[in-house]
Amino acid sequence: MFFRLEDLFVNHIDQLDEDLKQTLSLKETNKLLLSQVMYCLQPAVRSDITVFNLNSDNDLSETIFRSICQCKLINFEYFFFNQI
């Protein structure tokens, strides 16, 4: 079954819009920004997002590199197992 992003977040769009305005110091959010954030909040997508903690001892470039490697590995596995 296919759902639009707005359908998935229908009960939370107003709160999400308000939170974005406060977090990003915006007077208004646009529909594209709201759609991008809703896309990232989907459970299937959210699980693949790497979060960087400023309070950790990890280096940002190391975190980015690790994320790229993980993405490449996932793509390789997907390609490899779909060829069989």
Protein backbone atom coordinates (compact mmCIF):
# COMPACT_ATOMS: atom_id res chain seq x y z
CA MET A 1 0.00 0.00 0.00
CA PHE A 2 1.34 3.44 -0.93
CA PHE A 3 1.05 6.41 1.41
CA ARG A 4 2.00 9.99 0.77
CA LEU A 5 4.32 11.51 3.34
CA GLU A 6 1.58 13.88 4.43
CA ASP A 7 -0.65 10.88 5.14
CA LEU A 8 2.00 9.26 7.34
CA PHE A 9 2.53 12.43 9.39
CA VAL A 10 -0.98 13.87 9.28
CA ASN A 11 -1.18 14.09 13.09
CA HIS A 12 2.24 15.70 13.42
CA ILE A 13 2.63 18.16 10.54
CA ASP A 14 1.77 21.25 12.59
CA GLN A 15 4.15 20.30 15.40
CA LEU A 16 6.88 19.39 12.92
CA ASP A 17 6.44 22.70 11.12
CA GLU A 18 6.65 24.62 14.39
CA ASP A 19 9.71 22.68 15.56
CA LEU A 20 11.48 23.34 12.28
CA LYS A 21 10.78 27.06 12.53
CA GLN A 22 12.19 27.18 16.04
CA THR A 23 15.19 24.94 15.36
CA LEU A 24 16.23 26.72 12.17
CA SER A 25 15.12 30.21 13.26
CA LEU A 26 12.76 30.58 10.35
CA LYS A 27 9.65 32.69 10.06
CA GLU A 28 8.08 30.19 7.68
CA THR A 29 9.01 26.75 6.42
CA ASN A 30 8.44 25.78 2.83
CA LYS A 31 6.78 22.62 1.60
CA LEU A 32 10.04 21.22 0.17
CA LEU A 33 11.85 21.48 3.52
CA LEU A 34 8.94 19.90 5.36
CA SER A 35 8.78 17.07 2.81
CA GLN A 36 12.52 16.41 3.12
CA VAL A 37 12.29 16.18 6.89
CA MET A 38 9.24 13.91 6.74
CA TYR A 39 11.08 11.67 4.26
CA CYS A 40 14.02 11.34 6.67
CA LEU A 41 11.71 10.56 9.57
CA GLN A 42 10.19 7.48 7.94
CA PRO A 43 11.26 4.39 9.90
CA ALA A 44 12.82 2.66 6.87
CA VAL A 45 14.93 5.72 6.05
CA ARG A 46 15.63 6.85 9.60
CA SER A 47 17.38 3.61 10.46
CA ASP A 48 20.05 4.33 7.82
CA ILE A 49 20.85 7.88 8.94
CA THR A 50 24.14 8.40 10.74
CA VAL A 51 23.95 10.75 13.70
CA PHE A 52 27.00 12.70 14.73
CA ASN A 53 27.29 13.64 18.39
CA LEU A 54 29.29 16.81 19.03
CA ASN A 55 30.00 15.64 22.58
CA SER A 56 31.66 12.41 21.48
CA ASP A 57 35.34 11.76 20.91
CA ASN A 58 34.68 10.75 17.29
CA ASP A 59 36.01 12.84 14.45
CA LEU A 60 33.41 14.22 12.02
CA SER A 61 35.40 13.20 8.94
CA GLU A 62 35.73 9.68 10.37
CA THR A 63 31.97 9.52 10.92
CA ILE A 64 31.31 10.69 7.36
CA PHE A 65 33.80 8.18 5.96
CA ARG A 66 32.21 5.36 7.97
CA SER A 67 28.77 6.35 6.69
CA ILE A 68 29.96 6.33 3.09
CA CYS A 69 31.56 2.90 3.55
CA GLN A 70 28.38 1.54 5.12
CA CYS A 71 26.32 2.87 2.23
CA LYS A 72 28.67 1.32 -0.32
CA LEU A 73 28.53 -2.01 1.52
CA ILE A 74 24.74 -2.01 1.55
CA ASN A 75 24.63 -1.15 -2.16
CA PHE A 76 27.17 -3.88 -2.97
CA GLU A 77 25.24 -6.50 -0.99
CA TYR A 78 21.99 -5.47 -2.64
CA PHE A 79 23.56 -5.67 -6.11
CA PHE A 80 25.34 -8.94 -5.38
CA PHE A 81 22.36 -10.79 -3.93
CA ASN A 82 19.97 -9.57 -6.63
CA GLN A 83 22.25 -10.95 -9.34
CA ILE A 84 21.99 -14.51 -8.05
